[in-house]
Amino acid sequence: MAERLLKFTSVDPAMPGKRPATERTGDFAEIYGEFIQAKATEQASRCSQCGVPFCQSGCPLQNNIPDWLKLAAEGRMQEAYELSSATNAMPEICGRICPQDRLCEGACVIEQSGHGAVTIGAVERHITETAWAEDWVDLIRPVREREDSIGIIGAGPAGLAAADVLRGYGYQVTVYDRYDRAGGLLVYGIPGFKLEKHVVARRVERLERSGVVFKLGFEVGRDASFDELRARHAAVLVATGVYKARELPVPGAGGPGVVKALDYLTASNRKSFGDTVPDFESGALNAEGRHVVVIGGGDTAMDCVRTAVRQGAASVTCLYRRDRANMPGSAREVANAEDEGVQFAWLSAPRAIYSDASGATGVRVARMRLGEPDGSGRQAPEEIPGADHDLPASLVIMALGFDPEDIPAMFGCPDRPVRRDGTIATVGSVQVKGMPGVFAAGDIVRGASLVVWGVKDGQDAGQAIHSWLRQQQSAARIAAE
């Protein structure tokens, strides 16, 4: 029986059950359970079906959220899935890891009215998990096969999303990635307690079974030059992401016991796969028994502190130079970290890192206050004179964000156009300047960002490549007449 909508005044917002902190910190399994059907239907029924759906405009993918919430409230889950997946190549992944509190749920009209947002992400996850369980997630079946082949460099969110779109048009798609597993940061950068790896693996398997070819352990510039790939394919998409860790400009930052966030997270994820990881076995990338200090305030920092807790750290402290209200990471992730025993040192910044032959020994911490707004409009942190103090630390993890690697040097094409910050320069959103048939998408164009933006950029790139090839074919036909 269909559920009546507009129940936000009588039904409280609810998330799926969350495992107790004492239980979940003992493993890397996801911390949230699944909605039962009745609960998902009930939560979807809270939607106000407002005339101007701010949740949709707050979503980078412009997902038709009110429509699939209505279908879910009425128990029409297969239709809800079809609508959800029409705009999103990986809705169950976005449902797990998007910071909904800063996007769709943060823009929800009933959230603004004080009734609490519809738990959009949890319902989205439930809809798609139901689709997988009921075998509604079909393989990609193009109406016709095309001879043109497309090469995609990078098997992260943008590359996978583009492959989904292009294979749907019938193109022959090959995805190249330097790592041994497809998924990029979804596999090696995000811990299992937020995104279990089988969730990514089945999306990759669906692409493979649909005809997408993956060449893993493949480095452009080593296994083939970029020019060779251009000659091999009708179009090439660069979707490498950004992996270069930002440096910490303080004394001791390059010393022993100071590690980069992605190195640390990759080692942990590889251990979860059962891989042999020498730097983990040696203790260099293992927090067990150590006093851990993580420097940074984004979602990567939250991934690091929560991973350290699960590895059995003696203590875990997060240093952030602004206050809680100005922290860029998800508020839910901060709350989860606090539940799990992480200590937050707000308005704190490192002045120096101390170490000896055995590794890091401590961090000199400056107390901060918020001053006048800077160019971004945020209050700029400034030091409080004479308020320094020392914090014990035997492992320091730098989680300050990521910048692009030197793509022209890596790919062996020094004429490749890049901006001052190292991102690839494009005409419009995806076509690379001065390189016909070459496109770029995701973080390598916009800079380090959210997975959902990578999905959107990849989908847009797939559409742009299809349009460009059709234009080329039309021009060739006209020239031949």
Protein backbone atom coordinates (compact mmCIF):
# COMPACT_ATOMS: atom_id res chain seq x y z
CA MET A 1 0.00 0.00 0.00
CA ALA A 2 1.31 3.43 -0.89
CA GLU A 3 2.55 5.56 1.96
CA ARG A 4 1.25 9.10 2.25
CA LEU A 5 4.00 11.71 2.01
CA LEU A 6 4.55 14.86 4.10
CA LYS A 7 5.06 12.86 7.30
CA PHE A 8 7.92 15.01 8.54
CA THR A 9 5.71 16.43 11.30
CA SER A 10 4.85 13.01 12.72
CA VAL A 11 7.90 10.87 11.87
CA ASP A 12 11.32 11.74 13.24
CA PRO A 13 14.42 11.51 11.06
CA ALA A 14 16.35 8.28 11.53
CA MET A 15 19.50 6.65 10.21
CA PRO A 16 20.03 2.89 9.94
CA GLY A 17 21.33 1.30 13.10
CA LYS A 18 24.94 2.14 13.94
CA ARG A 19 27.15 -0.41 15.64
CA PRO A 20 28.37 0.61 19.10
CA ALA A 21 31.79 2.25 19.13
CA THR A 22 33.22 -0.49 21.34
CA GLU A 23 32.25 -3.06 18.73
CA ARG A 24 33.01 -1.27 15.48
CA THR A 25 36.52 -0.10 16.43
CA GLY A 26 37.61 -3.75 16.45
CA ASP A 27 37.26 -4.17 12.68
CA PHE A 28 37.04 -2.32 9.37
CA ALA A 29 33.47 -3.27 8.49
CA GLU A 30 30.97 -0.52 7.72
CA ILE A 31 29.51 1.01 10.86
CA TYR A 32 25.93 1.47 9.61
CA GLY A 33 23.51 -1.38 9.04
CA GLU A 34 20.87 -1.52 6.33
CA PHE A 35 17.37 -0.10 6.55
CA ILE A 36 14.65 -2.70 6.53
CA GLN A 37 12.11 -2.05 3.80
CA ALA A 38 9.48 -0.61 6.16
CA LYS A 39 11.96 1.82 7.70
CA ALA A 40 13.22 3.04 4.32
CA THR A 41 9.64 3.57 3.19
CA GLU A 42 8.83 5.43 6.40
CA GLN A 43 11.85 7.73 6.12
CA ALA A 44 11.16 8.44 2.44
CA SER A 45 7.59 9.38 3.39
CA ARG A 46 8.96 12.35 5.38
CA CYS A 47 9.73 14.17 2.10
CA SER A 48 7.70 17.36 1.75
CA GLN A 49 7.70 17.20 -2.07
CA CYS A 50 8.39 20.93 -2.07
CA GLY A 51 7.84 22.98 -5.19
CA VAL A 52 11.50 23.98 -5.42
CA PRO A 53 13.60 20.89 -4.55
CA PHE A 54 16.67 22.39 -2.92
CA CYS A 55 17.94 18.87 -2.20
CA GLN A 56 18.23 18.32 -5.95
CA SER A 57 20.01 21.62 -6.55
CA GLY A 58 22.30 20.82 -3.60
CA CYS A 59 23.38 17.57 -5.29
CA PRO A 60 26.26 17.90 -7.79
CA LEU A 61 24.57 15.26 -9.95
CA GLN A 62 21.19 17.00 -9.82
CA ASN A 63 19.65 13.67 -8.80
CA ASN A 64 15.85 13.55 -9.01
CA ILE A 65 15.68 13.07 -5.26
CA PRO A 66 12.02 14.03 -4.54
CA ASP A 67 10.82 11.73 -7.31
CA TRP A 68 12.67 8.64 -6.16
CA LEU A 69 11.81 9.39 -2.53
CA LYS A 70 8.14 9.41 -3.55
CA LEU A 71 8.53 6.07 -5.34
CA ALA A 72 10.32 4.61 -2.31
CA ALA A 73 7.59 5.89 0.01
CA GLU A 74 5.09 4.06 -2.17
CA GLY A 75 7.13 0.85 -2.06
CA ARG A 76 7.99 1.06 -5.79
CA MET A 77 11.66 0.25 -5.25
CA GLN A 78 12.55 -0.94 -8.73
CA GLU A 79 11.22 2.25 -10.28
CA ALA A 80 13.03 4.25 -7.59
CA TYR A 81 16.28 2.49 -8.51
CA GLU A 82 15.81 3.11 -12.22
CA LEU A 83 15.28 6.82 -11.57
CA SER A 84 18.17 7.06 -9.13
CA SER A 85 20.62 5.29 -11.43
CA ALA A 86 19.56 7.37 -14.44
CA THR A 87 21.64 10.29 -13.14
CA ASN A 88 24.25 8.47 -11.04
CA ALA A 89 26.62 5.72 -12.17
CA MET A 90 27.22 4.57 -8.59
CA PRO A 91 24.36 5.61 -6.27
CA GLU A 92 25.10 3.10 -3.51
CA ILE A 93 28.66 4.47 -3.26
CA CYS A 94 27.50 8.09 -3.10
CA GLY A 95 24.84 7.04 -0.59
CA ARG A 96 27.62 5.78 1.67
CA ILE A 97 30.37 8.37 1.37
CA CYS A 98 28.85 11.66 0.21
CA PRO A 99 28.81 14.32 2.95
CA GLN A 100 25.03 14.60 2.68
CA ASP A 101 24.95 16.99 5.62
CA ARG A 102 26.81 19.50 3.39
CA LEU A 103 24.93 18.69 0.18
CA CYS A 104 21.41 17.33 -0.36
CA GLU A 105 20.39 16.90 3.27
CA GLY A 106 21.91 20.22 4.26
CA ALA A 107 19.73 21.89 1.62
CA CYS A 108 16.56 19.95 2.54
CA VAL A 109 13.61 22.30 3.12
CA ILE A 110 12.38 20.49 6.21
CA GLU A 111 15.90 20.62 7.66
CA GLN A 112 15.77 24.39 7.29
CA SER A 113 12.34 24.44 8.97
CA GLY A 114 13.66 22.62 12.03
CA HIS A 115 12.12 19.18 11.48
CA GLY A 116 15.35 17.42 10.50
CA ALA A 117 16.32 16.46 6.97
CA VAL A 118 15.11 13.40 5.16
CA THR A 119 17.93 10.85 5.46
CA ILE A 120 18.45 10.91 1.71
CA GLY A 121 21.78 9.10 1.60
CA ALA A 122 20.58 6.14 3.65
CA VAL A 123 17.44 5.77 1.50
CA GLU A 124 19.55 6.00 -1.66
CA ARG A 125 21.81 3.26 -0.36
CA HIS A 126 18.82 1.08 0.54
CA ILE A 127 17.22 1.50 -2.88
CA THR A 128 20.38 0.40 -4.70
CA GLU A 129 21.23 -2.42 -2.29
CA THR A 130 17.70 -3.71 -2.86
CA ALA A 131 18.34 -3.49 -6.61
CA TRP A 132 21.52 -5.58 -6.31
CA ALA A 133 19.75 -8.13 -4.11
CA GLU A 134 16.81 -8.41 -6.53
CA ASP A 135 19.07 -8.54 -9.62
CA TRP A 136 17.68 -5.31 -11.04
CA VAL A 137 21.15 -3.93 -11.80
CA ASP A 138 21.49 -4.89 -15.46
CA LEU A 139 24.63 -5.07 -17.51
CA ILE A 140 25.17 -2.23 -19.96
CA ARG A 141 23.55 -3.28 -23.23
CA PRO A 142 24.22 -0.78 -26.04
CA VAL A 143 21.62 -0.45 -28.76
CA ARG A 144 24.46 -0.85 -31.28
CA GLU A 145 28.18 -1.40 -31.17
CA ARG A 146 30.49 1.32 -32.49
CA GLU A 147 33.94 0.79 -33.97
CA ASP A 148 35.50 3.79 -32.24
CA SER A 149 37.56 2.99 -29.17
CA ILE A 150 38.06 5.28 -26.20
CA GLY A 151 41.03 5.18 -23.84
CA ILE A 152 40.51 6.30 -20.24
CA ILE A 153 43.55 6.92 -18.05
CA GLY A 154 42.51 6.41 -14.43
CA ALA A 155 40.09 3.93 -12.89
CA GLY A 156 38.80 6.19 -10.12
CA PRO A 157 35.31 7.67 -9.81
CA ALA A 158 35.59 9.94 -12.87
CA GLY A 159 37.10 7.25 -15.08
CA LEU A 160 34.58 4.60 -14.06
CA ALA A 161 31.64 6.98 -14.53
CA ALA A 162 32.87 7.97 -17.99
CA ALA A 163 33.34 4.31 -18.94
CA ASP A 164 29.74 3.62 -17.91
CA VAL A 165 28.39 6.40 -20.16
CA LEU A 166 30.60 5.61 -23.16
CA ARG A 167 29.95 1.88 -23.05
CA GLY A 168 26.24 2.70 -22.98
CA TYR A 169 26.70 4.42 -26.35
CA GLY A 170 28.40 1.29 -27.69
CA TYR A 171 32.01 2.51 -27.77
CA GLN A 172 34.89 0.11 -27.20
CA VAL A 173 36.33 1.33 -23.90
CA THR A 174 39.71 0.54 -22.37
CA VAL A 175 40.57 1.84 -18.90
CA TYR A 176 44.26 2.13 -17.94
CA ASP A 177 45.37 2.42 -14.32
CA ARG A 178 48.75 2.19 -12.64
CA TYR A 179 47.39 0.35 -9.61
CA ASP A 180 46.64 -3.35 -9.41
CA ARG A 181 42.96 -2.84 -8.60
CA ALA A 182 40.42 -0.57 -10.25
CA GLY A 183 38.67 2.04 -8.14
CA GLY A 184 41.35 4.60 -7.33
CA LEU A 185 40.71 6.32 -4.01
CA LEU A 186 37.50 4.32 -3.61
CA VAL A 187 39.70 1.26 -3.11
CA TYR A 188 42.92 2.54 -1.57
CA GLY A 189 42.06 5.94 -0.08
CA ILE A 190 38.74 5.35 1.69
CA PRO A 191 38.68 2.89 4.62
CA GLY A 192 36.36 -0.08 4.70
CA PHE A 193 34.38 1.24 7.65
CA LYS A 194 32.99 3.88 5.26
CA LEU A 195 32.99 1.83 2.05
CA GLU A 196 33.51 -1.91 2.02
CA LYS A 197 35.53 -2.93 -1.01
CA HIS A 198 33.10 -5.48 -2.42
CA VAL A 199 30.77 -2.53 -3.12
CA VAL A 200 33.37 -1.07 -5.51
CA ALA A 201 34.39 -4.45 -6.91
CA ARG A 202 30.89 -5.32 -8.11
CA ARG A 203 30.63 -2.00 -9.99
CA VAL A 204 33.95 -2.76 -11.70
CA GLU A 205 32.82 -6.31 -12.46
CA ARG A 206 29.60 -4.98 -14.02
CA LEU A 207 31.67 -2.77 -16.33
CA GLU A 208 33.93 -5.69 -17.23
CA ARG A 209 30.98 -7.98 -17.97
CA SER A 210 29.50 -5.17 -20.06
CA GLY A 211 32.59 -5.11 -22.28
CA VAL A 212 34.87 -2.51 -20.69
CA VAL A 213 38.52 -3.64 -20.76
CA PHE A 214 40.75 -2.85 -17.78
CA LYS A 215 44.53 -2.74 -18.13
CA LEU A 216 45.84 -2.53 -14.58
CA GLY A 217 49.40 -2.00 -13.43
CA PHE A 218 49.75 0.16 -16.55
CA GLU A 219 51.73 3.39 -16.39
CA VAL A 220 51.51 5.93 -19.16
CA GLY A 221 55.07 6.93 -20.02
CA ARG A 222 56.38 3.48 -19.06
CA ASP A 223 54.15 0.90 -20.73
CA ALA A 224 53.10 3.18 -23.56
CA SER A 225 53.63 6.81 -24.36
CA PHE A 226 50.74 9.23 -24.28
CA ASP A 227 51.11 9.74 -28.05
CA GLU A 228 50.83 5.98 -28.56
CA LEU A 229 47.54 5.95 -26.64
CA ARG A 230 46.26 8.85 -28.74
CA ALA A 231 47.09 6.91 -31.88
CA ARG A 232 45.43 3.78 -30.49
CA HIS A 233 42.10 5.44 -29.65
CA ALA A 234 39.62 7.79 -31.30
CA ALA A 235 39.60 9.82 -28.07
CA VAL A 236 41.46 9.76 -24.77
CA LEU A 237 40.18 10.86 -21.37
CA VAL A 238 42.63 11.75 -18.59
CA ALA A 239 41.02 11.04 -15.22
CA THR A 240 44.05 10.42 -13.03
CA GLY A 241 42.92 12.27 -9.93
CA VAL A 242 45.36 14.15 -7.70
CA TYR A 243 47.73 12.22 -5.47
CA LYS A 244 50.59 14.55 -4.54
CA ALA A 245 50.43 15.23 -0.81
CA ARG A 246 50.70 18.84 0.30
CA GLU A 247 53.77 19.48 2.39
CA LEU A 248 53.81 20.73 5.95
CA PRO A 249 56.14 23.79 6.10
CA VAL A 250 57.49 23.30 9.64
CA PRO A 251 60.81 22.02 10.99
CA GLY A 252 60.94 18.23 11.31
CA ALA A 253 58.15 17.56 8.80
CA GLY A 254 60.45 15.36 6.72
CA GLY A 255 61.81 13.41 9.66
CA PRO A 256 61.26 9.79 10.76
CA GLY A 257 57.80 8.92 12.02
CA VAL A 258 56.10 11.55 9.83
CA VAL A 259 54.02 9.97 7.06
CA LYS A 260 51.62 11.03 4.32
CA ALA A 261 47.93 10.31 4.74
CA LEU A 262 47.50 8.44 1.47
CA ASP A 263 50.53 6.21 2.12
CA TYR A 264 49.08 5.39 5.50
CA LEU A 265 45.56 4.69 4.25
CA THR A 266 46.77 2.69 1.26
CA ALA A 267 48.84 0.44 3.51
CA SER A 268 45.84 -0.17 5.77
CA ASN A 269 43.53 -0.93 2.84
CA ARG A 270 46.08 -3.28 1.29
CA LYS A 271 46.28 -5.17 4.58
CA SER A 272 42.49 -5.51 4.49
CA PHE A 273 42.87 -7.16 1.07
CA GLY A 274 45.43 -9.56 2.53
CA ASP A 275 48.37 -8.02 0.66
CA THR A 276 51.91 -8.09 2.02
CA VAL A 277 52.83 -4.54 2.99
CA PRO A 278 56.45 -4.27 4.21
CA ASP A 279 56.06 -0.74 5.60
CA PHE A 280 53.09 -1.90 7.65
CA GLU A 281 54.90 -4.98 8.93
CA SER A 282 57.90 -2.84 9.91
CA GLY A 283 55.62 -0.52 11.89
CA ALA A 284 56.32 2.53 9.72
CA LEU A 285 52.66 2.70 8.58
CA ASN A 286 51.06 0.94 11.53
CA ALA A 287 49.58 2.87 14.46
CA GLU A 288 49.39 -0.04 16.90
CA GLY A 289 50.51 1.02 20.38
CA ARG A 290 51.57 4.48 19.23
CA HIS A 291 50.56 8.02 20.11
CA VAL A 292 49.18 9.29 16.83
CA VAL A 293 48.76 12.93 15.81
CA VAL A 294 46.90 13.66 12.57
CA ILE A 295 47.31 17.14 11.12
CA GLY A 296 44.36 18.35 9.04
CA GLY A 297 40.61 18.88 9.22
CA GLY A 298 39.10 17.29 6.11
CA ASP A 299 37.54 13.92 5.45
CA THR A 300 40.96 12.36 4.78
CA ALA A 301 42.05 13.39 8.28
CA MET A 302 38.92 11.73 9.67
CA ASP A 303 39.74 8.56 7.74
CA CYS A 304 43.23 8.57 9.27
CA VAL A 305 42.19 9.10 12.88
CA ARG A 306 39.50 6.43 12.71
CA THR A 307 41.89 4.00 11.03
CA ALA A 308 44.47 4.59 13.77
CA VAL A 309 41.87 3.75 16.43
CA ARG A 310 41.14 0.44 14.69
CA GLN A 311 44.83 -0.38 14.47
CA GLY A 312 45.08 -0.14 18.24
CA ALA A 313 46.77 3.23 18.72
CA ALA A 314 47.56 4.21 22.31
CA SER A 315 46.02 7.65 21.66
CA VAL A 316 44.78 9.58 18.64
CA THR A 317 44.66 13.38 18.41
CA CYS A 318 43.57 15.52 15.49
CA LEU A 319 45.16 18.98 15.18
CA TYR A 320 43.10 21.54 13.31
CA ARG A 321 43.95 25.23 13.07
CA ARG A 322 40.33 26.46 13.01
CA ASP A 323 37.39 25.59 15.27
CA ARG A 324 34.80 22.86 14.93
CA ALA A 325 32.30 25.09 13.13
CA ASN A 326 34.85 25.84 10.40
CA MET A 327 36.08 22.29 9.89
CA PRO A 328 35.80 21.25 6.22
CA GLY A 329 35.16 17.58 6.94
CA SER A 330 31.74 15.99 7.38
CA ALA A 331 30.13 16.73 10.75
CA ARG A 332 28.95 13.11 10.91
CA GLU A 333 32.51 11.87 10.49
CA VAL A 334 33.74 14.14 13.28
CA ALA A 335 30.98 12.84 15.56
CA ASN A 336 31.84 9.23 14.67
CA ALA A 337 35.51 9.88 15.42
CA GLU A 338 34.67 11.40 18.80
CA ASP A 339 32.49 8.39 19.64
CA GLU A 340 35.46 6.17 18.85
CA GLY A 341 37.79 7.98 21.24
CA VAL A 342 39.59 10.49 19.02
CA GLN A 343 40.63 13.72 20.74
CA PHE A 344 40.32 16.98 18.80
CA ALA A 345 42.67 19.87 19.43
CA TRP A 346 40.73 22.74 17.89
CA LEU A 347 42.46 26.02 17.07
CA SER A 348 45.82 24.26 17.10
CA ALA A 349 48.58 24.19 14.51
CA PRO A 350 51.99 22.48 14.43
CA ARG A 351 55.08 24.67 14.80
CA ALA A 352 57.62 21.84 14.72
CA ILE A 353 57.85 18.05 14.86
CA TYR A 354 60.44 16.44 17.12
CA SER A 355 62.11 13.11 16.41
CA ASP A 356 65.11 10.98 17.30
CA ALA A 357 66.67 7.88 15.79
CA SER A 358 63.64 5.78 16.73
CA GLY A 359 61.09 8.07 15.08
CA ALA A 360 58.82 10.95 16.03
CA THR A 361 58.70 11.97 19.68
CA GLY A 362 56.37 14.97 19.79
CA VAL A 363 54.76 17.96 18.15
CA ARG A 364 55.21 21.58 19.18
CA VAL A 365 51.71 23.07 18.98
CA ALA A 366 50.75 26.71 18.58
CA ARG A 367 47.40 27.89 19.92
CA MET A 368 45.37 29.78 17.34
CA ARG A 369 42.49 32.23 17.20
CA LEU A 370 40.30 33.27 14.32
CA GLY A 371 40.95 36.73 12.94
CA GLU A 372 39.62 38.69 9.99
CA PRO A 373 38.20 36.84 6.97
CA ASP A 374 40.72 35.91 4.28
CA GLY A 375 40.24 35.89 0.49
CA SER A 376 37.94 32.86 0.72
CA GLY A 377 35.66 34.64 3.18
CA ARG A 378 36.64 32.37 6.08
CA GLN A 379 38.17 33.76 9.24
CA ALA A 380 41.92 33.40 8.99
CA PRO A 381 43.66 31.58 11.86
CA GLU A 382 46.43 33.48 13.63
CA GLU A 383 48.80 32.42 16.38
CA ILE A 384 48.34 33.43 20.00
CA PRO A 385 51.79 34.56 21.20
CA GLY A 386 53.26 32.63 24.11
CA ALA A 387 50.62 29.86 24.06
CA ASP A 388 52.76 27.07 22.57
CA HIS A 389 52.81 23.63 24.15
CA ASP A 390 54.18 20.16 23.40
CA LEU A 391 52.11 17.11 22.50
CA PRO A 392 53.57 13.57 22.69
CA ALA A 393 53.56 11.78 19.33
CA SER A 394 55.25 8.68 17.98
CA LEU A 395 53.46 8.75 14.62
CA VAL A 396 52.50 11.97 12.82
CA ILE A 397 50.21 11.78 9.79
CA MET A 398 49.97 14.72 7.40
CA ALA A 399 46.44 15.03 5.97
CA LEU A 400 46.64 18.48 4.41
CA GLY A 401 45.08 17.71 1.06
CA PHE A 402 46.34 16.81 -2.39
CA ASP A 403 47.74 18.55 -5.46
CA PRO A 404 48.22 17.27 -9.02
CA GLU A 405 51.32 15.34 -9.91
CA ASP A 406 53.49 16.56 -12.79
CA ILE A 407 51.36 15.05 -15.53
CA PRO A 408 53.43 16.39 -18.49
CA ALA A 409 56.58 14.82 -17.05
CA MET A 410 54.84 11.55 -16.08
CA PHE A 411 53.22 11.14 -19.49
CA GLY A 412 56.29 12.27 -21.44
CA CYS A 413 54.43 15.11 -23.17
CA PRO A 414 55.92 18.44 -22.02
CA ASP A 415 53.57 20.38 -24.29
CA ARG A 416 50.55 19.22 -22.36
CA PRO A 417 48.70 22.36 -21.15
CA VAL A 418 48.42 22.72 -17.40
CA ARG A 419 47.39 25.60 -15.17
CA ARG A 420 49.62 27.22 -12.60
CA ASP A 421 48.35 24.83 -9.91
CA GLY A 422 49.15 21.78 -12.04
CA THR A 423 45.58 20.91 -13.03
CA ILE A 424 44.92 20.28 -16.71
CA ALA A 425 43.69 23.28 -18.68
CA THR A 426 40.49 22.64 -20.61
CA VAL A 427 38.26 24.43 -23.07
CA GLY A 428 34.87 24.52 -21.41
CA SER A 429 34.75 21.78 -18.82
CA VAL A 430 36.47 18.74 -20.33
CA GLN A 431 38.24 19.24 -23.69
CA VAL A 432 41.98 19.76 -23.27
CA LYS A 433 43.31 22.96 -24.81
CA GLY A 434 45.12 22.51 -28.10
CA MET A 435 44.82 18.70 -28.12
CA PRO A 436 41.94 17.50 -30.34
CA GLY A 437 40.42 14.26 -29.14
CA VAL A 438 41.93 14.59 -25.66
CA PHE A 439 39.66 15.22 -22.69
CA ALA A 440 40.16 15.49 -18.93
CA ALA A 441 37.79 15.13 -15.99
CA GLY A 442 37.61 14.90 -12.24
CA ASP A 443 40.13 16.15 -9.71
CA ILE A 444 42.87 16.54 -12.33
CA VAL A 445 40.76 19.41 -13.74
CA ARG A 446 38.94 20.86 -10.71
CA GLY A 447 41.47 20.04 -7.99
CA ALA A 448 40.94 17.76 -5.01
CA SER A 449 37.23 17.40 -4.42
CA LEU A 450 34.44 14.99 -3.49
CA VAL A 451 33.76 11.61 -5.08
CA VAL A 452 30.33 12.80 -6.21
CA TRP A 453 31.96 15.61 -8.21
CA GLY A 454 34.24 13.04 -9.82
CA VAL A 455 31.21 10.99 -10.83
CA LYS A 456 29.52 14.06 -12.30
CA ASP A 457 32.64 15.14 -14.17
CA GLY A 458 33.15 11.63 -15.56
CA GLN A 459 29.56 11.41 -16.75
CA ASP A 460 29.81 14.85 -18.35
CA ALA A 461 33.06 13.84 -20.04
CA GLY A 462 31.44 10.72 -21.47
CA GLN A 463 28.67 12.82 -22.98
CA ALA A 464 31.19 15.38 -24.32
CA ILE A 465 33.32 12.69 -25.96
CA HIS A 466 30.24 11.17 -27.62
CA SER A 467 29.17 14.59 -28.93
CA TRP A 468 32.66 15.38 -30.23
CA LEU A 469 32.95 12.06 -32.08
CA ARG A 470 29.57 12.56 -33.69
CA GLN A 471 30.65 16.02 -34.84
CA GLN A 472 33.85 14.57 -36.28
CA GLN A 473 31.93 11.90 -38.13
CA SER A 474 29.44 14.44 -39.50
CA ALA A 475 32.27 16.67 -40.68
CA ALA A 476 33.96 13.71 -42.39
CA ARG A 477 30.74 12.75 -44.20
CA ILE A 478 30.21 16.32 -45.42
CA ALA A 479 33.81 16.51 -46.64
CA ALA A 480 33.41 13.25 -48.54
CA GLU A 481 30.27 14.37 -50.38
